[in-house]
């Protein structure tokens, strides 16, 4: 279940984000899209996901995408507070994060 950009063989981050968000919602997660913008915390993750008492921050990246220094610092802060943070590069990563087999 991979979205692919036409003609390039690459998967833009926006398509990965949509596919991951759709998958998580179908599997019972409340999924909130966080958009960078005026007043947003620098480096904040793309998605905030809640299900069954789990609260997960998820950063979406392409197969070769790297976190910015602000994103690395945000991850460090979340983990230091005992939170859960994942970098997701595919729907398969989202399924692993959820602790379930991939449901198509």
PDB file of N, CA and C in Angstrom:
ATOM      1  N   UNK A   1       0.845  -1.181   0.000  1.00  0.00           N
ATOM      2  CA  UNK A   1       0.000   0.000   0.000  1.00  0.00           C
ATOM      3  C   UNK A   1       0.883   1.234   0.000  1.00  0.00           C
ATOM      4  N   UNK A   2       1.468   1.533  -1.126  1.00  0.00           N
ATOM      5  CA  UNK A   2       2.350   2.675  -1.233  1.00  0.00           C
ATOM      6  C   UNK A   2       1.842   3.612  -2.329  1.00  0.00           C
ATOM      7  N   UNK A   3       1.807   4.886  -1.992  1.00  0.00           N
ATOM      8  CA  UNK A   3       1.458   5.894  -2.989  1.00  0.00           C
ATOM      9  C   UNK A   3       2.733   6.298  -3.705  1.00  0.00           C
ATOM     10  N   UNK A   4       2.707   6.415  -5.004  1.00  0.00           N
ATOM     11  CA  UNK A   4       3.905   6.746  -5.760  1.00  0.00           C
ATOM     12  C   UNK A   4       3.618   7.947  -6.647  1.00  0.00           C
ATOM     13  N   UNK A   5       4.561   8.892  -6.663  1.00  0.00           N
ATOM     14  CA  UNK A   5       4.418  10.066  -7.522  1.00  0.00           C
ATOM     15  C   UNK A   5       4.541   9.635  -8.979  1.00  0.00           C
ATOM     16  N   UNK A   6       3.705  10.181  -9.828  1.00  0.00           N
ATOM     17  CA  UNK A   6       3.708   9.803 -11.239  1.00  0.00           C
ATOM     18  C   UNK A   6       5.048  10.126 -11.882  1.00  0.00           C
ATOM     19  N   UNK A   7       5.579   9.126 -12.583  1.00  0.00           N
ATOM     20  CA  UNK A   7       6.754   9.341 -13.404  1.00  0.00           C
ATOM     21  C   UNK A   7       8.077   9.415 -12.682  1.00  0.00           C
ATOM     22  N   UNK A   8       8.080   9.549 -11.383  1.00  0.00           N
ATOM     23  CA  UNK A   8       9.343   9.742 -10.684  1.00  0.00           C
ATOM     24  C   UNK A   8       9.772   8.518  -9.895  1.00  0.00           C
ATOM     25  N   UNK A   9       8.834   7.625  -9.563  1.00  0.00           N
ATOM     26  CA  UNK A   9       9.190   6.459  -8.758  1.00  0.00           C
ATOM     27  C   UNK A   9       9.458   6.816  -7.314  1.00  0.00           C
ATOM     28  N   UNK A  10       9.194   8.067  -6.954  1.00  0.00           N
ATOM     29  CA  UNK A  10       9.420   8.530  -5.582  1.00  0.00           C
ATOM     30  C   UNK A  10       8.093   8.757  -4.897  1.00  0.00           C
ATOM     31  N   UNK A  11       8.137   8.749  -3.593  1.00  0.00           N
ATOM     32  CA  UNK A  11       6.938   8.929  -2.797  1.00  0.00           C
ATOM     33  C   UNK A  11       7.068  10.238  -2.019  1.00  0.00           C
ATOM     34  N   UNK A  12       6.366  11.281  -2.460  1.00  0.00           N
ATOM     35  CA  UNK A  12       6.472  12.545  -1.732  1.00  0.00           C
ATOM     36  C   UNK A  12       5.934  12.413  -0.311  1.00  0.00           C
ATOM     37  N   UNK A  13       6.503  13.194   0.574  1.00  0.00           N
ATOM     38  CA  UNK A  13       6.110  13.148   1.984  1.00  0.00           C
ATOM     39  C   UNK A  13       4.606  13.368   2.164  1.00  0.00           C
ATOM     40  N   UNK A  14       4.014  14.250   1.380  1.00  0.00           N
ATOM     41  CA  UNK A  14       2.582  14.529   1.533  1.00  0.00           C
ATOM     42  C   UNK A  14       1.731  13.287   1.244  1.00  0.00           C
ATOM     43  N   UNK A  15       2.140  12.476   0.275  1.00  0.00           N
ATOM     44  CA  UNK A  15       1.394  11.246  -0.020  1.00  0.00           C
ATOM     45  C   UNK A  15       1.584  10.204   1.078  1.00  0.00           C
ATOM     46  N   UNK A  16       2.790  10.134   1.613  1.00  0.00           N
ATOM     47  CA  UNK A  16       3.049   9.213   2.723  1.00  0.00           C
ATOM     48  C   UNK A  16       2.199   9.627   3.919  1.00  0.00           C
ATOM     49  N   UNK A  17       2.187  10.918   4.223  1.00  0.00           N
ATOM     50  CA  UNK A  17       1.414  11.417   5.358  1.00  0.00           C
ATOM     51  C   UNK A  17      -0.063  11.058   5.206  1.00  0.00           C
ATOM     52  N   UNK A  18      -0.619  11.284   4.027  1.00  0.00           N
ATOM     53  CA  UNK A  18      -2.040  10.977   3.801  1.00  0.00           C
ATOM     54  C   UNK A  18      -2.301   9.480   3.962  1.00  0.00           C
ATOM     55  N   UNK A  19      -1.449   8.647   3.392  1.00  0.00           N
ATOM     56  CA  UNK A  19      -1.641   7.198   3.479  1.00  0.00           C
ATOM     57  C   UNK A  19      -1.525   6.713   4.924  1.00  0.00           C
ATOM     58  N   UNK A  20      -0.539   7.237   5.664  1.00  0.00           N
ATOM     59  CA  UNK A  20      -0.354   6.854   7.076  1.00  0.00           C
ATOM     60  C   UNK A  20      -1.542   7.327   7.900  1.00  0.00           C
ATOM     61  N   UNK A  21      -1.950   8.562   7.708  1.00  0.00           N
ATOM     62  CA  UNK A  21      -3.085   9.107   8.466  1.00  0.00           C
ATOM     63  C   UNK A  21      -4.360   8.310   8.191  1.00  0.00           C
ATOM     64  N   UNK A  22      -4.609   8.017   6.923  1.00  0.00           N
ATOM     65  CA  UNK A  22      -5.791   7.235   6.563  1.00  0.00           C
ATOM     66  C   UNK A  22      -5.742   5.841   7.202  1.00  0.00           C
ATOM     67  N   UNK A  23      -4.591   5.192   7.145  1.00  0.00           N
ATOM     68  CA  UNK A  23      -4.438   3.861   7.734  1.00  0.00           C
ATOM     69  C   UNK A  23      -4.693   3.906   9.240  1.00  0.00           C
ATOM     70  N   UNK A  24      -4.072   4.851   9.928  1.00  0.00           N
ATOM     71  CA  UNK A  24      -4.234   4.931  11.379  1.00  0.00           C
ATOM     72  C   UNK A  24      -5.693   5.182  11.751  1.00  0.00           C
ATOM     73  N   UNK A  25      -6.355   6.051  11.025  1.00  0.00           N
ATOM     74  CA  UNK A  25      -7.770   6.318  11.305  1.00  0.00           C
ATOM     75  C   UNK A  25      -8.620   5.066  11.090  1.00  0.00           C
ATOM     76  N   UNK A  26      -8.334   4.313  10.027  1.00  0.00           N
ATOM     77  CA  UNK A  26      -9.086   3.076   9.766  1.00  0.00           C
ATOM     78  C   UNK A  26      -8.862   2.028  10.853  1.00  0.00           C
ATOM     79  N   UNK A  27      -7.741   2.121  11.548  1.00  0.00           N
ATOM     80  CA  UNK A  27      -7.443   1.131  12.589  1.00  0.00           C
ATOM     81  C   UNK A  27      -7.718   1.672  13.992  1.00  0.00           C
ATOM     82  N   UNK A  28      -8.542   2.726  14.075  1.00  0.00           N
ATOM     83  CA  UNK A  28      -9.044   3.179  15.362  1.00  0.00           C
ATOM     84  C   UNK A  28      -8.275   4.271  16.074  1.00  0.00           C
ATOM     85  N   UNK A  29      -7.271   4.834  15.435  1.00  0.00           N
ATOM     86  CA  UNK A  29      -6.514   5.921  16.053  1.00  0.00           C
ATOM     87  C   UNK A  29      -7.222   7.253  15.814  1.00  0.00           C
ATOM     88  N   UNK A  30      -7.269   8.103  16.828  1.00  0.00           N
ATOM     89  CA  UNK A  30      -7.613   9.505  16.632  1.00  0.00           C
ATOM     90  C   UNK A  30      -6.320  10.153  16.181  1.00  0.00           C
ATOM     91  N   UNK A  31      -6.334  10.743  14.996  1.00  0.00           N
ATOM     92  CA  UNK A  31      -5.102  11.251  14.391  1.00  0.00           C
ATOM     93  C   UNK A  31      -5.262  12.722  14.067  1.00  0.00           C
ATOM     94  N   UNK A  32      -4.405  13.538  14.646  1.00  0.00           N
ATOM     95  CA  UNK A  32      -4.478  14.986  14.480  1.00  0.00           C
ATOM     96  C   UNK A  32      -3.264  15.445  13.687  1.00  0.00           C
ATOM     97  N   UNK A  33      -3.511  16.139  12.590  1.00  0.00           N
ATOM     98  CA  UNK A  33      -2.443  16.675  11.744  1.00  0.00           C
ATOM     99  C   UNK A  33      -1.966  17.981  12.351  1.00  0.00           C
ATOM    100  N   UNK A  34      -0.668  18.071  12.583  1.00  0.00           N
ATOM    101  CA  UNK A  34      -0.068  19.297  13.110  1.00  0.00           C
ATOM    102  C   UNK A  34       0.625  20.004  11.950  1.00  0.00           C
ATOM    103  N   UNK A  35       0.292  21.268  11.753  1.00  0.00           N
ATOM    104  CA  UNK A  35       0.901  22.021  10.660  1.00  0.00           C
ATOM    105  C   UNK A  35       1.856  23.066  11.228  1.00  0.00           C
ATOM    106  N   UNK A  36       3.034  23.121  10.630  1.00  0.00           N
ATOM    107  CA  UNK A  36       3.964  24.173  11.002  1.00  0.00           C
ATOM    108  C   UNK A  36       3.374  25.496  10.538  1.00  0.00           C
ATOM    109  N   UNK A  37       3.569  26.494  11.309  1.00  0.00           N
ATOM    110  CA  UNK A  37       3.056  27.803  10.923  1.00  0.00           C
ATOM    111  C   UNK A  37       3.363  28.799  12.013  1.00  0.00           C
ATOM    112  N   UNK A  38       2.751  29.933  11.881  1.00  0.00           N
ATOM    113  CA  UNK A  38       2.971  31.009  12.817  1.00  0.00           C
ATOM    114  C   UNK A  38       2.650  30.569  14.246  1.00  0.00           C
ATOM    115  N   UNK A  39       3.612  30.618  15.094  1.00  0.00           N
ATOM    116  CA  UNK A  39       3.409  30.274  16.493  1.00  0.00           C
ATOM    117  C   UNK A  39       3.564  28.797  16.816  1.00  0.00           C
ATOM    118  N   UNK A  40       3.758  27.941  15.804  1.00  0.00           N
ATOM    119  CA  UNK A  40       3.917  26.510  16.066  1.00  0.00           C
ATOM    120  C   UNK A  40       5.276  26.251  16.717  1.00  0.00           C
ATOM    121  N   UNK A  41       5.311  25.256  17.567  1.00  0.00           N
ATOM    122  CA  UNK A  41       6.559  24.833  18.212  1.00  0.00           C
ATOM    123  C   UNK A  41       7.505  24.314  17.133  1.00  0.00           C
ATOM    124  N   UNK A  42       8.707  24.858  17.061  1.00  0.00           N
ATOM    125  CA  UNK A  42       9.652  24.421  16.027  1.00  0.00           C
ATOM    126  C   UNK A  42       9.969  22.951  16.195  1.00  0.00           C
ATOM    127  N   UNK A  43       9.859  22.211  15.090  1.00  0.00           N
ATOM    128  CA  UNK A  43      10.197  20.801  15.103  1.00  0.00           C
ATOM    129  C   UNK A  43       9.068  19.881  15.524  1.00  0.00           C
ATOM    130  N   UNK A  44       7.887  20.431  15.825  1.00  0.00           N
ATOM    131  CA  UNK A  44       6.770  19.595  16.270  1.00  0.00           C
ATOM    132  C   UNK A  44       6.475  18.532  15.211  1.00  0.00           C
ATOM    133  N   UNK A  45       6.090  17.351  15.662  1.00  0.00           N
ATOM    134  CA  UNK A  45       5.826  16.232  14.752  1.00  0.00           C
ATOM    135  C   UNK A  45       4.611  16.507  13.875  1.00  0.00           C
ATOM    136  N   UNK A  46       4.525  15.773  12.772  1.00  0.00           N
ATOM    137  CA  UNK A  46       3.439  15.954  11.806  1.00  0.00           C
ATOM    138  C   UNK A  46       2.091  15.475  12.325  1.00  0.00           C
ATOM    139  N   UNK A  47       2.100  14.387  13.117  1.00  0.00           N
ATOM    140  CA  UNK A  47       0.850  13.801  13.594  1.00  0.00           C
ATOM    141  C   UNK A  47       0.907  13.556  15.097  1.00  0.00           C
ATOM    142  N   UNK A  48      -0.237  13.742  15.737  1.00  0.00           N
ATOM    143  CA  UNK A  48      -0.431  13.365  17.136  1.00  0.00           C
ATOM    144  C   UNK A  48      -1.529  12.318  17.121  1.00  0.00           C
ATOM    145  N   UNK A  49      -1.238  11.138  17.625  1.00  0.00           N
ATOM    146  CA  UNK A  49      -2.133   9.993  17.495  1.00  0.00           C
ATOM    147  C   UNK A  49      -2.478   9.431  18.874  1.00  0.00           C
ATOM    148  N   UNK A  50      -3.761   9.117  19.059  1.00  0.00           N
ATOM    149  CA  UNK A  50      -4.232   8.606  20.350  1.00  0.00           C
ATOM    150  C   UNK A  50      -5.105   7.380  20.105  1.00  0.00           C
ATOM    151  N   UNK A  51      -4.834   6.317  20.865  1.00  0.00           N
ATOM    152  CA  UNK A  51      -5.689   5.129  20.821  1.00  0.00           C
ATOM    153  C   UNK A  51      -5.420   4.288  22.065  1.00  0.00           C
ATOM    154  N   UNK A  52      -6.486   3.901  22.738  1.00  0.00           N
ATOM    155  CA  UNK A  52      -6.371   2.982  23.870  1.00  0.00           C
ATOM    156  C   UNK A  52      -5.420   3.452  24.960  1.00  0.00           C
ATOM    157  N   UNK A  53      -5.367   4.750  25.200  1.00  0.00           N
ATOM    158  CA  UNK A  53      -4.501   5.284  26.232  1.00  0.00           C
ATOM    159  C   UNK A  53      -3.085   5.600  25.768  1.00  0.00           C
ATOM    160  N   UNK A  54      -2.743   5.219  24.557  1.00  0.00           N
ATOM    161  CA  UNK A  54      -1.424   5.565  23.989  1.00  0.00           C
ATOM    162  C   UNK A  54      -1.511   6.928  23.324  1.00  0.00           C
ATOM    163  N   UNK A  55      -0.504   7.731  23.562  1.00  0.00           N
ATOM    164  CA  UNK A  55      -0.376   9.046  22.936  1.00  0.00           C
ATOM    165  C   UNK A  55       0.955   9.034  22.191  1.00  0.00           C
ATOM    166  N   UNK A  56       0.902   9.159  20.877  1.00  0.00           N
ATOM    167  CA  UNK A  56       2.088   8.989  20.044  1.00  0.00           C
ATOM    168  C   UNK A  56       2.283  10.200  19.141  1.00  0.00           C
ATOM    169  N   UNK A  57       3.497  10.713  19.121  1.00  0.00           N
ATOM    170  CA  UNK A  57       3.889  11.737  18.165  1.00  0.00           C
ATOM    171  C   UNK A  57       4.535  11.018  16.986  1.00  0.00           C
ATOM    172  N   UNK A  58       4.148  11.370  15.757  1.00  0.00           N
ATOM    173  CA  UNK A  58       4.691  10.712  14.569  1.00  0.00           C
ATOM    174  C   UNK A  58       5.194  11.749  13.568  1.00  0.00           C
ATOM    175  N   UNK A  59       6.448  11.613  13.200  1.00  0.00           N
ATOM    176  CA  UNK A  59       7.055  12.451  12.168  1.00  0.00           C
ATOM    177  C   UNK A  59       7.073  11.638  10.883  1.00  0.00           C
ATOM    178  N   UNK A  60       6.605  12.218   9.793  1.00  0.00           N
ATOM    179  CA  UNK A  60       6.540  11.537   8.511  1.00  0.00           C
ATOM    180  C   UNK A  60       7.735  11.956   7.661  1.00  0.00           C
ATOM    181  N   UNK A  61       8.421  10.957   7.130  1.00  0.00           N
ATOM    182  CA  UNK A  61       9.584  11.214   6.268  1.00  0.00           C
ATOM    183  C   UNK A  61       9.552  10.280   5.073  1.00  0.00           C
ATOM    184  N   UNK A  62      10.190  10.697   3.989  1.00  0.00           N
ATOM    185  CA  UNK A  62      10.375   9.810   2.845  1.00  0.00           C
ATOM    186  C   UNK A  62      11.420   8.764   3.217  1.00  0.00           C
ATOM    187  N   UNK A  63      11.643   7.823   2.326  1.00  0.00           N
ATOM    188  CA  UNK A  63      12.613   6.755   2.582  1.00  0.00           C
ATOM    189  C   UNK A  63      14.000   7.302   2.889  1.00  0.00           C
ATOM    190  N   UNK A  64      14.348   8.439   2.307  1.00  0.00           N
ATOM    191  CA  UNK A  64      15.685   9.005   2.522  1.00  0.00           C
ATOM    192  C   UNK A  64      15.655  10.310   3.319  1.00  0.00           C
ATOM    193  N   UNK A  65      14.467  10.738   3.742  1.00  0.00           N
ATOM    194  CA  UNK A  65      14.330  12.003   4.460  1.00  0.00           C
ATOM    195  C   UNK A  65      15.002  11.969   5.823  1.00  0.00           C
ATOM    196  N   UNK A  66      15.528  13.102   6.226  1.00  0.00           N
ATOM    197  CA  UNK A  66      16.204  13.223   7.517  1.00  0.00           C
ATOM    198  C   UNK A  66      15.495  14.270   8.372  1.00  0.00           C
ATOM    199  N   UNK A  67      15.514  14.047   9.673  1.00  0.00           N
ATOM    200  CA  UNK A  67      14.937  15.017  10.600  1.00  0.00           C
ATOM    201  C   UNK A  67      15.819  16.265  10.653  1.00  0.00           C
ATOM    202  N   UNK A  68      15.167  17.409  10.807  1.00  0.00           N
ATOM    203  CA  UNK A  68      15.895  18.659  10.998  1.00  0.00           C
ATOM    204  C   UNK A  68      16.420  18.691  12.436  1.00  0.00           C
ATOM    205  N   UNK A  69      17.376  19.567  12.725  1.00  0.00           N
ATOM    206  CA  UNK A  69      17.835  19.696  14.113  1.00  0.00           C
ATOM    207  C   UNK A  69      16.685  20.012  15.078  1.00  0.00           C
ATOM    208  N   UNK A  70      15.708  20.821  14.656  1.00  0.00           N
ATOM    209  CA  UNK A  70      14.561  21.132  15.516  1.00  0.00           C
ATOM    210  C   UNK A  70      13.710  19.891  15.766  1.00  0.00           C
ATOM    211  N   UNK A  71      13.551  19.057  14.751  1.00  0.00           N
ATOM    212  CA  UNK A  71      12.782  17.815  14.914  1.00  0.00           C
ATOM    213  C   UNK A  71      13.497  16.834  15.841  1.00  0.00           C
ATOM    214  N   UNK A  72      14.793  16.759  15.719  1.00  0.00           N
ATOM    215  CA  UNK A  72      15.581  15.898  16.612  1.00  0.00           C
ATOM    216  C   UNK A  72      15.446  16.372  18.051  1.00  0.00           C
ATOM    217  N   UNK A  73      15.473  17.672  18.259  1.00  0.00           N
ATOM    218  CA  UNK A  73      15.316  18.227  19.607  1.00  0.00           C
ATOM    219  C   UNK A  73      13.916  17.971  20.145  1.00  0.00           C
ATOM    220  N   UNK A  74      12.886  18.115  19.295  1.00  0.00           N
ATOM    221  CA  UNK A  74      11.521  17.825  19.728  1.00  0.00           C
ATOM    222  C   UNK A  74      11.411  16.358  20.150  1.00  0.00           C
ATOM    223  N   UNK A  75      11.955  15.454  19.351  1.00  0.00           N
ATOM    224  CA  UNK A  75      11.949  14.026  19.699  1.00  0.00           C
ATOM    225  C   UNK A  75      12.630  13.804  21.047  1.00  0.00           C
ATOM    226  N   UNK A  76      13.779  14.437  21.243  1.00  0.00           N
ATOM    227  CA  UNK A  76      14.520  14.297  22.500  1.00  0.00           C
ATOM    228  C   UNK A  76      13.660  14.744  23.680  1.00  0.00           C
ATOM    229  N   UNK A  77      12.967  15.867  23.526  1.00  0.00           N
ATOM    230  CA  UNK A  77      12.121  16.384  24.601  1.00  0.00           C
ATOM    231  C   UNK A  77      10.973  15.427  24.921  1.00  0.00           C
ATOM    232  N   UNK A  78      10.330  14.896  23.888  1.00  0.00           N
ATOM    233  CA  UNK A  78       9.214  13.969  24.095  1.00  0.00           C
ATOM    234  C   UNK A  78       9.700  12.715  24.816  1.00  0.00           C
ATOM    235  N   UNK A  79      10.794  12.147  24.349  1.00  0.00           N
ATOM    236  CA  UNK A  79      11.328  10.927  24.971  1.00  0.00           C
ATOM    237  C   UNK A  79      11.801  11.185  26.401  1.00  0.00           C
ATOM    238  N   UNK A  80      12.378  12.358  26.657  1.00  0.00           N
ATOM    239  CA  UNK A  80      12.845  12.701  28.004  1.00  0.00           C
ATOM    240  C   UNK A  80      11.691  12.780  28.996  1.00  0.00           C
ATOM    241  N   UNK A  81      10.506  13.117  28.501  1.00  0.00           N
ATOM    242  CA  UNK A  81       9.317  13.206  29.354  1.00  0.00           C
ATOM    243  C   UNK A  81       8.546  11.889  29.418  1.00  0.00           C
ATOM    244  N   UNK A  82       9.124  10.840  28.824  1.00  0.00           N
ATOM    245  CA  UNK A  82       8.464   9.534  28.848  1.00  0.00           C
ATOM    246  C   UNK A  82       7.435   9.350  27.756  1.00  0.00           C
ATOM    247  N   UNK A  83       7.432  10.245  26.775  1.00  0.00           N
ATOM    248  CA  UNK A  83       6.474  10.158  25.678  1.00  0.00           C
ATOM    249  C   UNK A  83       6.918   9.170  24.613  1.00  0.00           C
ATOM    250  N   UNK A  84       6.058   8.998  23.640  1.00  0.00           N
ATOM    251  CA  UNK A  84       6.320   8.068  22.548  1.00  0.00           C
ATOM    252  C   UNK A  84       6.420   8.866  21.248  1.00  0.00           C
ATOM    253  N   UNK A  85       7.464   8.608  20.473  1.00  0.00           N
ATOM    254  CA  UNK A  85       7.752   9.341  19.238  1.00  0.00           C
ATOM    255  C   UNK A  85       8.265   8.345  18.204  1.00  0.00           C
ATOM    256  N   UNK A  86       7.754   8.454  16.980  1.00  0.00           N
ATOM    257  CA  UNK A  86       8.195   7.565  15.906  1.00  0.00           C
ATOM    258  C   UNK A  86       8.397   8.355  14.627  1.00  0.00           C
ATOM    259  N   UNK A  87       9.397   7.965  13.860  1.00  0.00           N
ATOM    260  CA  UNK A  87       9.551   8.448  12.492  1.00  0.00           C
ATOM    261  C   UNK A  87       8.940   7.370  11.608  1.00  0.00           C
ATOM    262  N   UNK A  88       7.927   7.754  10.831  1.00  0.00           N
ATOM    263  CA  UNK A  88       7.221   6.808   9.963  1.00  0.00           C
ATOM    264  C   UNK A  88       7.511   7.152   8.510  1.00  0.00           C
ATOM    265  N   UNK A  89       7.926   6.141   7.761  1.00  0.00           N
ATOM    266  CA  UNK A  89       8.265   6.331   6.355  1.00  0.00           C
ATOM    267  C   UNK A  89       7.297   5.609   5.418  1.00  0.00           C
ATOM    268  N   UNK A  90       6.339   4.885   6.001  1.00  0.00           N
ATOM    269  CA  UNK A  90       5.397   4.111   5.187  1.00  0.00           C
ATOM    270  C   UNK A  90       4.223   3.659   6.055  1.00  0.00           C
ATOM    271  N   UNK A  91       3.194   3.144   5.395  1.00  0.00           N
ATOM    272  CA  UNK A  91       2.064   2.558   6.105  1.00  0.00           C
ATOM    273  C   UNK A  91       2.548   1.347   6.902  1.00  0.00           C
ATOM    274  N   UNK A  92       3.501   0.618   6.363  1.00  0.00           N
ATOM    275  CA  UNK A  92       4.059  -0.532   7.077  1.00  0.00           C
ATOM    276  C   UNK A  92       4.675  -0.094   8.410  1.00  0.00           C
ATOM    277  N   UNK A  93       5.372   1.028   8.421  1.00  0.00           N
ATOM    278  CA  UNK A  93       5.920   1.561   9.676  1.00  0.00           C
ATOM    279  C   UNK A  93       4.798   1.905  10.655  1.00  0.00           C
ATOM    280  N   UNK A  94       3.707   2.458  10.131  1.00  0.00           N
ATOM    281  CA  UNK A  94       2.562   2.808  10.991  1.00  0.00           C
ATOM    282  C   UNK A  94       1.961   1.548  11.604  1.00  0.00           C
ATOM    283  N   UNK A  95       1.878   0.476  10.832  1.00  0.00           N
ATOM    284  CA  UNK A  95       1.342  -0.792  11.349  1.00  0.00           C
ATOM    285  C   UNK A  95       2.248  -1.324  12.467  1.00  0.00           C
ATOM    286  N   UNK A  96       3.560  -1.245  12.266  1.00  0.00           N
ATOM    287  CA  UNK A  96       4.500  -1.688  13.302  1.00  0.00           C
ATOM    288  C   UNK A  96       4.354  -0.840  14.558  1.00  0.00           C
ATOM    289  N   UNK A  97       4.234   0.477  14.379  1.00  0.00           N
ATOM    290  CA  UNK A  97       4.046   1.377  15.512  1.00  0.00           C
ATOM    291  C   UNK A  97       2.788   1.004  16.272  1.00  0.00           C
ATOM    292  N   UNK A  98       1.751   0.626  15.532  1.00  0.00           N
ATOM    293  CA  UNK A  98       0.463   0.253  16.146  1.00  0.00           C
ATOM    294  C   UNK A  98       0.537  -1.097  16.846  1.00  0.00           C
ATOM    295  N   UNK A  99       1.547  -1.894  16.493  1.00  0.00           N
ATOM    296  CA  UNK A  99       1.665  -3.220  17.085  1.00  0.00           C
ATOM    297  C   UNK A  99       0.720  -4.229  16.464  1.00  0.00           C
ATOM    298  N   UNK A 100       0.452  -4.068  15.168  1.00  0.00           N
ATOM    299  CA  UNK A 100      -0.484  -4.978  14.497  1.00  0.00           C
ATOM    300  C   UNK A 100       0.033  -5.330  13.121  1.00  0.00           C
ATOM    301  N   UNK A 101      -0.540  -6.359  12.548  1.00  0.00           N
ATOM    302  CA  UNK A 101      -0.233  -6.724  11.172  1.00  0.00           C
ATOM    303  C   UNK A 101      -0.867  -5.684  10.262  1.00  0.00           C
ATOM    304  N   UNK A 102      -0.247  -5.490   9.117  1.00  0.00           N
ATOM    305  CA  UNK A 102      -0.768  -4.526   8.150  1.00  0.00           C
ATOM    306  C   UNK A 102      -2.146  -4.946   7.677  1.00  0.00           C
ATOM    307  N   UNK A 103      -3.099  -4.036   7.829  1.00  0.00           N
ATOM    308  CA  UNK A 103      -4.472  -4.281   7.375  1.00  0.00           C
ATOM    309  C   UNK A 103      -4.722  -3.400   6.165  1.00  0.00           C
ATOM    310  N   UNK A 104      -4.972  -3.999   5.026  1.00  0.00           N
ATOM    311  CA  UNK A 104      -5.206  -3.204   3.806  1.00  0.00           C
ATOM    312  C   UNK A 104      -6.659  -2.943   3.578  1.00  0.00           C
TER     313      UNK A 104
END
